[in-house]
Protein backbone atom coordinates (compact mmCIF):
# COMPACT_ATOMS: atom_id res chain seq x y z
CA MET A 1 0.00 0.00 0.00
CA ALA A 2 2.75 2.45 0.90
CA CYS A 3 4.53 1.88 -2.41
CA ALA A 4 1.46 2.66 -4.52
CA VAL A 5 1.84 6.39 -3.96
CA LEU A 6 5.29 6.27 -5.51
CA GLN A 7 4.52 4.81 -8.91
CA PRO A 8 3.65 6.77 -12.07
CA ALA A 9 -0.11 7.10 -12.41
CA ALA A 10 -2.05 5.82 -15.42
CA ALA A 11 -3.22 8.38 -17.95
CA LYS A 12 -6.91 8.26 -17.03
CA ASP A 13 -9.16 11.07 -15.88
CA GLY A 14 -9.31 11.23 -12.05
CA GLN A 15 -12.84 12.66 -11.92
CA THR A 16 -14.12 9.83 -14.10
CA ILE A 17 -12.59 7.24 -11.77
CA LEU A 18 -13.94 9.09 -8.72
CA ASN A 19 -17.45 9.09 -10.11
CA ALA A 20 -17.31 5.48 -11.28
CA LYS A 21 -15.84 4.03 -8.09
CA CYS A 22 -17.20 6.28 -5.34
CA MET A 23 -20.64 7.48 -6.44
CA MET A 24 -22.29 4.21 -5.49
CA CYS A 25 -21.79 5.18 -1.82
CA HIS A 26 -21.08 8.93 -1.86
CA THR A 27 -23.97 11.20 -2.89
CA PRO A 28 -23.41 13.67 -5.77
CA GLU A 29 -23.70 17.29 -4.63
CA GLY A 30 -23.26 19.13 -7.92
CA ASN A 31 -20.16 20.58 -9.61
CA ASP A 32 -18.44 17.17 -9.45
CA ALA A 33 -18.63 17.18 -5.64
CA LEU A 34 -19.41 14.04 -3.64
CA SER A 35 -20.55 13.75 -0.05
CA ARG A 36 -17.82 13.23 2.53
CA ILE A 37 -14.99 13.14 -0.05
CA SER A 38 -15.35 16.76 -1.19
CA HIS A 39 -15.27 18.07 2.38
CA GLN A 40 -11.76 16.89 3.22
CA ARG A 41 -8.18 17.73 2.27
CA LYS A 42 -5.25 15.35 2.81
CA THR A 43 -1.67 14.50 1.89
CA PRO A 44 -1.00 11.83 -0.78
CA GLU A 45 -0.47 9.31 2.03
CA GLY A 46 -3.74 10.34 3.65
CA TRP A 47 -5.73 9.84 0.44
CA LEU A 48 -4.00 6.52 -0.17
CA MET A 49 -5.03 5.33 3.30
CA SER A 50 -8.63 6.45 2.72
CA ILE A 51 -8.91 4.49 -0.52
CA ALA A 52 -7.26 1.44 1.07
CA ARG A 53 -9.78 1.65 3.93
CA MET A 54 -12.61 1.63 1.38
CA GLN A 55 -11.09 -1.52 -0.12
CA ILE A 56 -10.56 -3.30 3.19
CA MET A 57 -13.72 -2.29 5.06
CA TYR A 58 -16.28 -1.74 2.32
CA GLY A 59 -15.20 -3.99 -0.52
CA LEU A 60 -14.22 -1.31 -3.04
CA LYS A 61 -12.85 -2.89 -6.22
CA ILE A 62 -10.23 -0.71 -7.89
CA GLU A 63 -7.20 -1.47 -10.04
CA ASP A 64 -3.79 -0.30 -8.88
CA ASP A 65 -3.41 2.12 -11.80
CA ASP A 66 -6.80 3.69 -11.08
CA ARG A 67 -5.99 3.95 -7.38
CA GLN A 68 -2.72 5.73 -8.16
CA THR A 69 -4.50 8.10 -10.53
CA LEU A 70 -7.14 8.82 -7.90
CA VAL A 71 -4.52 9.58 -5.23
CA LYS A 72 -2.86 12.02 -7.63
CA PHE A 73 -6.16 13.65 -8.58
CA LEU A 74 -7.35 14.11 -5.00
CA SER A 75 -3.96 15.30 -3.76
CA ASP A 76 -3.81 17.97 -6.45
CA LYS A 77 -7.42 19.08 -5.99
CA GLN A 78 -7.77 18.65 -2.22
CA GLY A 79 -4.27 18.56 -0.78
CA LEU A 80 -2.36 20.58 1.79
CA ALA A 81 -0.31 23.71 1.18
CA PRO A 82 3.40 23.68 2.10
CA SER A 83 2.75 25.81 5.20
CA GLU A 84 0.11 23.32 6.36
CA THR A 85 2.62 20.47 6.57
CA GLU A 86 5.35 22.42 8.41
CA GLY A 87 6.48 20.71 11.60
CA LEU A 88 4.57 17.53 10.70
CA ARG A 89 6.54 16.11 7.81
CA TYR A 90 8.26 13.60 10.11
CA ALA A 91 5.17 11.40 9.80
CA PHE A 92 5.35 10.63 6.06
CA GLU A 93 9.15 10.95 6.07
CA ARG A 94 9.03 7.92 8.41
CA ARG A 95 10.97 9.52 11.25
CA LEU A 96 9.37 7.06 13.64
CA ASN A 97 11.51 7.95 16.67
CA THR A 98 10.07 11.45 16.79
CA VAL A 99 8.61 12.43 20.17
CA GLU A 100 5.48 14.46 19.43
CA GLN A 101 4.29 17.50 21.32
CA PHE A 102 0.53 17.99 21.13
CA ASP A 103 -1.59 19.88 23.62
CA GLU A 104 -4.77 18.74 25.30
CA PRO A 105 -7.33 17.61 24.39
CA ILE A 106 -5.79 16.57 21.05
CA ASN A 107 -3.21 14.49 22.87
CA GLN A 108 -5.84 12.55 24.83
CA THR A 109 -8.40 12.26 22.05
CA CYS A 110 -6.25 11.54 18.99
CA ALA A 111 -2.64 10.81 19.88
CA ARG A 112 -3.35 7.99 22.33
CA CYS A 113 -3.82 5.49 19.48
CA HIS A 114 -1.87 6.90 16.53
CA SER A 115 0.39 9.85 15.84
CA GLY A 116 -1.04 13.29 16.38
CA ALA A 117 0.41 14.16 12.99
CA ARG A 118 -2.11 11.90 11.28
CA THR A 119 -4.88 14.13 12.61
CA ALA A 120 -3.03 17.39 11.94
CA LEU A 121 -2.25 16.42 8.32
CA GLN A 122 -5.86 16.63 7.20
CA ARG A 123 -8.47 19.36 6.87
CA ARG A 124 -12.22 18.97 7.36
CA THR A 125 -15.43 20.89 7.96
CA LEU A 126 -16.90 20.75 11.47
CA LYS A 127 -19.44 18.20 10.31
CA GLU A 128 -16.68 16.02 8.88
CA TRP A 129 -14.66 16.17 12.11
CA GLU A 130 -17.81 15.03 13.91
CA HIS A 131 -18.24 12.23 11.40
CA LEU A 132 -14.65 11.17 12.03
CA ILE A 133 -15.33 10.85 15.76
CA ASP A 134 -18.49 8.81 15.05
CA PHE A 135 -16.56 6.59 12.64
CA HIS A 136 -13.94 5.82 15.27
CA LEU A 137 -16.53 4.93 17.87
CA GLY A 138 -18.50 2.81 15.42
CA ARG A 139 -15.47 0.84 14.31
CA TRP A 140 -13.81 0.56 17.73
CA PRO A 141 -16.56 0.57 20.38
CA SER A 142 -14.05 0.04 23.20
CA LEU A 143 -12.48 3.39 22.35
CA GLU A 144 -14.53 5.20 24.98
CA TYR A 145 -13.21 2.99 27.75
CA GLN A 146 -9.64 3.22 26.55
CA ALA A 147 -10.02 7.00 26.64
CA MET A 148 -11.15 6.96 30.29
CA SER A 149 -14.88 7.42 29.63
CA ARG A 150 -15.68 5.94 33.01
CA ASP A 151 -14.51 9.21 34.54
CA ARG A 152 -16.02 11.60 32.02
CA ASP A 153 -18.51 12.03 29.18
CA TRP A 154 -16.00 11.13 26.47
CA TYR A 155 -18.42 11.23 23.55
CA GLY A 156 -19.92 14.53 24.65
CA LEU A 157 -16.50 16.09 25.12
CA ALA A 158 -15.28 14.76 21.77
CA HIS A 159 -18.28 16.21 19.92
CA ASN A 160 -18.78 19.44 21.81
CA GLU A 161 -15.17 20.45 22.50
CA VAL A 162 -12.69 18.48 20.39
CA ALA A 163 -14.51 18.56 17.03
CA PRO A 164 -14.95 22.38 17.11
CA LEU A 165 -11.30 22.76 18.13
CA LEU A 166 -10.19 20.58 15.21
CA ALA A 167 -12.43 22.49 12.81
CA GLU A 168 -10.93 25.77 13.99
CA ARG A 169 -7.35 24.56 13.97
CA TYR A 170 -7.52 22.44 10.80
CA PRO A 171 -10.33 23.94 8.65
CA LEU A 172 -11.27 22.78 5.17
CA ASP A 173 -11.25 26.28 3.71
CA ALA A 174 -7.93 28.05 4.21
CA LYS A 175 -6.21 30.93 2.49
CA ALA A 176 -2.93 28.99 2.51
CA TRP A 177 -4.39 26.33 0.21
CA SER A 178 -6.26 28.69 -2.12
CA ASP A 179 -3.17 30.89 -2.46
CA TRP A 180 -0.97 27.87 -3.16
CA GLN A 181 -3.29 26.60 -5.88
CA GLN A 182 -2.93 29.93 -7.62
CA SER A 183 0.86 30.22 -7.27
CA LYS A 184 2.25 26.67 -7.41
CA PRO A 185 4.94 26.25 -10.08
CA GLU A 186 4.75 23.90 -13.05
CA ALA A 187 6.36 20.49 -12.64
CA GLU A 188 8.61 21.11 -15.65
CA THR A 189 10.57 23.64 -13.60
CA LEU A 190 12.01 20.70 -11.62
CA VAL A 191 13.64 19.13 -14.67
CA GLY A 192 17.43 19.37 -14.76
CA LYS A 193 20.51 18.49 -12.76
CA TRP A 194 20.48 18.66 -8.98
CA SER A 195 23.34 18.64 -6.49
CA PHE A 196 22.56 16.87 -3.21
CA ALA A 197 24.02 16.21 0.22
CA GLY A 198 22.89 14.00 3.05
CA HIS A 199 23.72 12.01 6.14
CA MET A 200 22.78 8.44 7.02
CA PRO A 201 23.15 7.36 10.66
CA SER A 202 25.88 4.74 11.13
CA LYS A 203 27.04 5.24 7.53
CA GLY A 204 27.99 8.91 7.33
CA GLU A 205 27.85 11.75 4.86
CA VAL A 206 26.89 11.38 1.22
CA ALA A 207 26.89 13.76 -1.74
CA GLY A 208 26.37 13.67 -5.48
CA THR A 209 24.07 14.69 -8.31
CA MET A 210 20.60 13.67 -9.45
CA GLN A 211 19.54 14.10 -13.06
CA VAL A 212 15.78 14.69 -13.44
CA THR A 213 14.06 14.31 -16.81
CA GLY A 214 10.43 14.32 -17.94
CA GLY A 215 7.94 16.46 -16.07
CA GLU A 216 4.94 15.77 -18.30
CA GLY A 217 2.02 14.67 -16.17
CA ASP A 218 4.09 15.53 -13.08
CA GLN A 219 6.16 12.37 -13.63
CA PHE A 220 9.95 12.17 -13.74
CA LYS A 221 12.81 9.80 -14.48
CA LEU A 222 15.83 9.95 -12.16
CA ILE A 223 19.52 9.06 -12.34
CA VAL A 224 21.41 9.32 -9.04
CA ASP A 225 25.22 9.52 -9.06
CA GLY A 226 26.90 9.97 -5.69
CA GLU A 227 29.07 8.41 -3.03
CA TYR A 228 29.55 8.31 0.72
CA ALA A 229 32.51 9.98 2.39
CA ASP A 230 34.22 6.58 2.68
CA GLY A 231 34.01 6.10 -1.11
CA THR A 232 31.05 3.69 -1.15
CA PRO A 233 28.98 4.32 -4.31
CA PHE A 234 25.50 5.79 -4.01
CA LYS A 235 24.23 5.29 -7.55
CA GLY A 236 20.98 4.23 -9.17
CA GLN A 237 17.91 5.23 -11.09
CA GLY A 238 14.16 5.37 -10.73
CA SER A 239 11.10 7.58 -11.07
CA ALA A 240 9.13 10.17 -9.14
CA VAL A 241 5.71 11.82 -9.08
CA LEU A 242 4.88 15.35 -7.94
CA TYR A 243 1.68 15.79 -5.89
CA SER A 244 -0.03 19.04 -4.89
CA GLY A 245 2.63 21.01 -6.77
CA TYR A 246 5.44 20.32 -4.27
CA GLU A 247 5.13 16.87 -2.68
CA TRP A 248 7.87 14.79 -4.35
CA ARG A 249 7.52 11.01 -4.01
CA GLY A 250 10.22 8.93 -5.66
CA SER A 251 11.09 5.27 -6.03
CA VAL A 252 14.78 4.61 -6.74
CA ASP A 253 17.01 1.55 -6.94
CA ILE A 254 20.35 2.34 -5.27
CA GLY A 255 22.87 -0.45 -5.75
CA GLY A 256 20.13 -3.09 -5.86
CA VAL A 257 18.28 -1.67 -2.82
CA ALA A 258 14.81 -0.19 -3.32
CA MET A 259 14.56 3.24 -1.71
CA ARG A 260 11.81 5.84 -1.40
CA GLN A 261 12.18 9.60 -1.66
CA VAL A 262 9.84 11.83 0.33
CA PHE A 263 10.79 15.45 -0.37
CA ALA A 264 9.28 18.91 -0.43
CA ALA A 265 10.11 20.93 -3.54
CA SER A 266 10.46 24.68 -3.08
CA LYS A 267 12.25 27.43 -5.01
CA GLY A 268 14.89 25.23 -6.60
CA GLU A 269 15.42 23.04 -3.53
CA LEU A 270 14.40 19.53 -2.50
CA GLN A 271 14.46 18.61 1.16
CA GLY A 272 13.31 15.60 3.11
CA ARG A 273 14.28 12.00 3.68
CA MET A 274 15.29 9.03 1.55
CA PHE A 275 14.93 5.54 3.02
CA GLU A 276 14.81 1.85 2.17
CA THR A 277 11.38 0.64 1.08
CA GLU A 278 11.54 -2.49 3.25
CA HIS A 279 13.42 -0.89 6.16
CA ASP A 280 12.35 2.72 6.65
CA GLU A 281 14.66 2.99 9.67
CA ARG A 282 17.57 2.85 7.21
CA GLY A 283 17.35 6.34 5.81
CA LEU A 284 19.23 9.56 5.21
CA ASP A 285 18.44 13.24 5.51
CA PHE A 286 18.49 14.76 2.03
CA VAL A 287 18.82 18.30 0.70
CA ALA A 288 19.36 19.27 -2.94
CA ALA A 289 19.63 22.40 -5.07
CA GLN A 290 18.90 22.68 -8.76
CA GLN A 291 21.63 23.58 -11.22
CA GLY A 292 21.77 27.34 -11.54
CA VAL A 293 20.32 27.95 -8.08
CA ALA A 294 23.20 29.27 -5.96
CA ARG A 295 23.22 27.40 -2.65
CA VAL A 296 25.66 26.02 -0.12
CA LEU A 297 24.04 22.78 1.00
CA ALA A 298 26.56 21.25 3.40
CA VAL A 299 30.13 21.28 4.66
CA GLN A 300 31.56 17.77 5.02
CA PRO A 301 32.88 17.20 7.64
CA GLY A 302 31.24 20.08 9.42
CA TYR A 303 33.74 20.61 12.25
CA LEU A 304 37.40 21.49 12.85
CA LYS A 305 39.42 21.51 16.05
CA ALA A 306 41.27 24.70 16.95
CA GLY A 307 44.97 24.37 16.13
CA SER A 308 44.46 21.58 13.59
CA GLU A 309 44.32 21.08 9.83
CA ALA A 310 41.79 19.10 7.81
CA GLN A 311 40.38 18.61 4.34
CA VAL A 312 36.75 19.64 4.00
CA THR A 313 34.32 19.75 1.10
CA ILE A 314 31.63 22.34 0.47
CA ILE A 315 28.63 20.80 -1.30
CA GLY A 316 26.25 23.05 -3.22
CA SER A 317 25.06 24.36 -6.55
CA ALA A 318 26.36 27.14 -8.80
CA LEU A 319 29.37 27.51 -6.52
CA GLU A 320 31.64 30.21 -7.82
CA GLY A 321 34.28 32.29 -6.11
CA LYS A 322 36.67 32.04 -3.19
CA PRO A 323 35.77 29.73 -0.27
CA LEU A 324 35.68 31.53 3.09
CA PHE A 325 35.36 29.93 6.54
CA GLY A 326 35.36 32.86 8.92
CA PRO A 327 37.94 34.42 11.25
CA GLY A 328 40.75 32.22 12.51
CA ILE A 329 40.39 29.69 9.67
CA GLN A 330 42.92 29.80 6.85
CA VAL A 331 42.46 28.15 3.46
CA LEU A 332 45.79 26.43 2.76
CA GLU A 333 44.93 24.93 -0.60
CA VAL A 334 41.99 24.55 -2.96
CA VAL A 335 42.30 20.87 -3.85
CA ALA A 336 39.44 20.79 -6.37
CA GLN A 337 36.60 23.10 -7.37
CA THR A 338 33.49 22.61 -9.51
CA SER A 339 30.09 24.24 -9.51
CA GLU A 340 28.84 21.47 -7.19
CA ARG A 341 31.68 20.96 -4.73
CA VAL A 342 34.77 22.74 -3.46
CA THR A 343 37.39 20.66 -1.64
CA VAL A 344 39.96 22.58 0.40
CA LYS A 345 42.62 22.10 3.04
CA VAL A 346 42.06 24.42 5.97
CA ARG A 347 43.78 25.26 9.25
CA ALA A 348 42.16 26.64 12.39
CA SER A 349 44.45 28.79 14.50
CA ALA A 350 45.00 27.77 18.10
CA ASP A 351 43.11 30.85 19.28
CA ALA A 352 40.24 30.53 16.77
CA MET A 353 36.95 31.44 18.43
CA ALA A 354 34.94 28.40 19.51
CA GLY A 355 31.52 28.27 17.92
CA THR A 356 29.77 27.96 14.59
CA GLN A 357 31.33 29.89 11.71
CA ALA A 358 29.49 30.89 8.53
CA VAL A 359 30.88 29.33 5.35
CA SER A 360 30.54 30.90 1.91
CA VAL A 361 31.82 30.50 -1.63
CA GLY A 362 32.15 33.96 -3.13
CA ALA A 363 28.83 35.66 -2.46
CA ILE A 364 27.04 32.33 -1.92
CA LYS A 365 26.22 31.69 1.73
CA GLY A 366 24.40 29.00 3.65
CA GLY A 367 26.98 26.62 5.11
CA SER A 368 28.58 26.43 8.54
CA LEU A 369 31.64 24.97 10.21
CA ALA A 370 31.88 24.26 13.94
CA VAL A 371 35.21 25.20 15.52
CA TYR A 372 35.89 23.62 18.90
CA ARG A 373 38.63 23.23 21.50
CA ASP A 374 37.15 20.38 23.45
CA ILE A 375 33.99 18.31 23.70
CA SER A 376 31.78 19.15 26.66
CA GLU A 377 29.02 16.63 25.98
CA VAL A 378 28.17 13.63 23.79
CA ARG A 379 24.55 12.96 22.94
CA VAL A 380 23.20 9.71 21.55
CA VAL A 381 20.85 10.47 18.63
CA PRO A 382 18.04 9.58 18.78
CA ALA A 383 17.89 9.87 22.55
CA LEU A 384 14.91 7.49 22.65
CA SER A 385 14.59 4.82 19.98
CA ILE A 386 12.45 1.78 19.27
CA ALA A 387 13.60 -1.43 17.59
CA ARG A 388 11.40 -4.42 16.87
CA VAL A 389 12.00 -8.16 16.83
CA GLY A 390 11.16 -10.01 13.62
CA ASP A 391 12.04 -12.67 11.06
CA ASN A 392 12.40 -16.19 12.55
CA GLY A 393 10.12 -17.62 9.88
CA GLY A 394 7.59 -14.80 10.09
CA SER A 395 6.62 -12.28 7.42
CA THR A 396 7.64 -9.20 9.39
CA PRO A 397 11.33 -8.20 9.24
CA LYS A 398 13.32 -6.90 12.16
CA VAL A 399 13.38 -3.14 12.70
CA GLN A 400 16.88 -2.04 13.62
CA GLY A 401 17.98 0.68 15.98
CA ARG A 402 20.41 3.10 14.32
CA PHE A 403 22.41 5.67 16.27
CA ASP A 404 24.82 8.57 15.91
CA ALA A 405 27.16 10.10 18.51
CA GLU A 406 26.66 13.86 18.44
CA ALA A 407 29.37 16.00 20.05
CA TRP A 408 28.60 19.36 21.66
CA SER A 409 30.74 22.12 23.12
CA LYS A 410 30.31 25.59 24.64
CA ASP A 411 31.20 28.94 23.12
CA ALA A 412 32.87 31.88 24.85
CA SER A 413 29.57 32.95 26.43
CA GLY A 414 28.95 29.48 27.80
CA GLN A 415 26.18 28.65 25.33
CA PRO A 416 26.13 25.06 24.04
CA TYR A 417 26.52 24.48 20.31
CA ARG A 418 26.55 21.37 18.16
CA ILE A 419 29.93 20.27 16.80
CA GLY A 420 28.83 17.32 14.71
CA ILE A 421 28.74 13.53 14.37
CA PHE A 422 31.84 11.74 15.70
CA PRO A 423 33.03 8.13 15.39
CA ALA A 424 32.18 6.19 18.54
CA THR A 425 32.54 2.87 20.29
CA TRP A 426 29.07 1.46 20.95
CA SER A 427 27.68 -0.79 23.66
CA VAL A 428 24.45 -1.51 25.55
CA GLU A 429 23.62 -2.05 29.21
CA PRO A 430 20.40 -2.80 31.11
CA PHE A 431 18.37 0.39 31.36
CA ASP A 432 17.08 -0.39 34.86
CA GLU A 433 16.94 -3.11 37.51
CA ARG A 434 14.12 -4.98 35.78
CA ALA A 435 16.09 -5.07 32.53
CA ALA A 436 19.09 -6.47 34.41
CA GLU A 437 16.94 -9.07 36.16
CA ASP A 438 15.39 -10.17 32.86
CA GLU A 439 18.79 -10.30 31.12
CA ASP A 440 17.63 -7.98 28.35
CA VAL A 441 21.19 -7.41 27.12
CA LYS A 442 21.58 -11.13 26.55
CA TYR A 443 18.34 -11.68 24.65
CA ALA A 444 17.15 -8.43 23.06
CA GLY A 445 19.79 -8.27 20.32
CA ILE A 446 23.32 -7.21 19.40
CA MET A 447 24.84 -3.75 19.20
CA GLN A 448 27.32 -3.51 16.33
CA MET A 449 30.36 -1.27 16.26
CA ASP A 450 28.82 1.06 13.65
CA GLY A 451 25.95 2.07 15.94
CA VAL A 452 23.42 -0.35 14.43
CA PHE A 453 21.44 -2.51 16.86
CA LEU A 454 20.19 -5.84 15.47
CA PRO A 455 17.14 -7.04 17.45
CA GLY A 456 16.53 -10.65 18.39
CA ASP A 457 14.22 -13.10 16.64
CA ALA A 458 10.45 -12.88 16.89
CA GLY A 459 8.36 -15.32 18.85
CA PRO A 460 8.48 -16.86 22.34
CA ASN A 461 11.96 -17.69 23.61
CA PRO A 462 11.97 -20.84 25.81
CA ALA A 463 15.28 -19.74 27.33
CA ARG A 464 13.71 -16.64 28.88
CA LYS A 465 11.64 -16.38 32.00
CA MET A 466 8.05 -17.42 31.24
CA SER A 467 9.19 -18.06 27.62
CA THR A 468 8.60 -14.42 26.79
CA ASN A 469 9.76 -12.82 23.54
CA ASN A 470 13.07 -11.05 23.00
CA ALA A 471 11.89 -7.61 24.09
CA GLY A 472 14.12 -5.42 26.21
CA ASN A 473 14.83 -2.04 27.73
CA LEU A 474 18.43 -1.02 27.05
CA LYS A 475 20.78 1.85 27.72
CA VAL A 476 22.71 2.77 24.57
CA ILE A 477 26.26 3.99 25.27
CA ALA A 478 28.49 5.91 22.86
CA GLN A 479 32.15 6.35 23.79
CA VAL A 480 33.90 9.10 21.81
CA ASP A 481 37.66 9.65 21.83
CA ASP A 482 38.93 13.14 21.03
CA GLY A 483 42.71 13.33 21.12
CA GLY A 484 42.96 10.95 24.06
CA ALA A 485 40.07 12.49 26.00
CA SER A 486 37.17 10.07 26.40
CA HIS A 487 33.55 11.25 26.41
CA LYS A 488 30.42 9.18 27.02
CA GLY A 489 26.84 9.69 25.92
CA GLU A 490 23.77 7.66 26.80
CA GLY A 491 20.39 7.03 25.21
CA GLN A 492 17.52 4.59 25.58
CA LEU A 493 16.46 1.78 23.25
CA ILE A 494 13.22 -0.10 23.71
CA VAL A 495 13.15 -3.41 21.84
CA THR A 496 9.56 -4.48 21.37
CA VAL A 497 7.31 -6.73 19.28
CA GLN A 498 6.40 -6.46 15.61
CA ARG A 499 4.18 -3.73 14.31
CA TRP A 500 1.50 -5.49 12.30
CA ASN A 501 -0.31 -2.36 11.16
CA ASN A 502 2.23 -0.11 9.48
CA PRO A 503 0.37 2.45 7.32
CA PRO A 504 1.94 5.34 5.38
CA LEU A 505 0.95 7.69 8.21
CA PRO A 506 1.75 6.10 11.59
């Protein structure tokens, strides 16, 4: 289901499909509007889930090509504007270790069972928000009790307080969407060569180019040509579709591994996340600039110790001019320079000011370099992570835990600033006394030296107390060495059971 949104849609009229497949249940309201459907706006993933629910719960028969066309049609006609997805893109970018922050009563009413982002990434009329509450209660009658209805009038509160709040906060009619429909650029403007940079936890920094061709029907062909900092190739090809004028969804084969691209396109830039189709925890942050759009995208590596020399590379687009790294940093040699990357040898003076320095190439700004004297703190990223057991003859694969060691320091005013990702020695310990008693370290899985945790097998384990599964509660420890000084950071990893329901919006 999740992959369907990524494939090129068939050349069939979306309104025709909507009428043919949906009118048997949804009442026509004139001007091609249908009851329920025409009073909602959603992301491509949201519309995909709605159609899938019609298939699973109500027996809708629809071919894959028609479903893809319908997702495209509805996303373009009734989607979300860029400003309406800000702060919520982690949901469809599959950043599943995100800790959400929603206020009451949204937190109690919506985010107890699924992400709050799933609610916030749709727009409805008041009547439709009320219908959504009724739908939940009709499908899951125990919902009231799970939501503490014994102590309060849950249904009354949901209808009289929560639904109006949702309608006010996430209304169907919004100036942001109407303005975007008038101003969104044509898909053909995305055709061309792009320079990109990224970072994958446990693997490191990556950079390269992506050639985009096509554009007709909002569909593209892609050729990716890049490599990681250690020289490992990052090359492949695939396709992409543009939804709502800016929502880029790609499907690319990188070295024999199927990967998805979930980006936002804006003013000559692409930004988002790229991850394996079968293992969305294996992903990289991605930012790209189109050829001719002057941008500094990244500095790799992004830190330099005072009094030392290093070779760094500025990644960007339309780079032209002299590279500058700020006071106290001298460019010793320009090793290589193209419009997409500038590699230089630099030296930071012993008295260079600690902190983040702006990096530019000629008049082109946007990058930064952290100068530090010592590390004051190491943070394990993510600080709280979830891995899941799997395999062992079952259909659900293991979900790994993947970690980075992030070094921090303090500037002259005592304010903390991020240095960057450092190599680390990784280990795990019991998180608490119960974890030690249950021998979670022994059974939950194995922490590898690259910061990747491999969970145990699924199913009951006869060797454990009460033959329980290989779940666990672990403390993740990163040990960073900086010139002989050792620094330790700690995080938490919960190893739990499989997730059987894994929709595009969690």
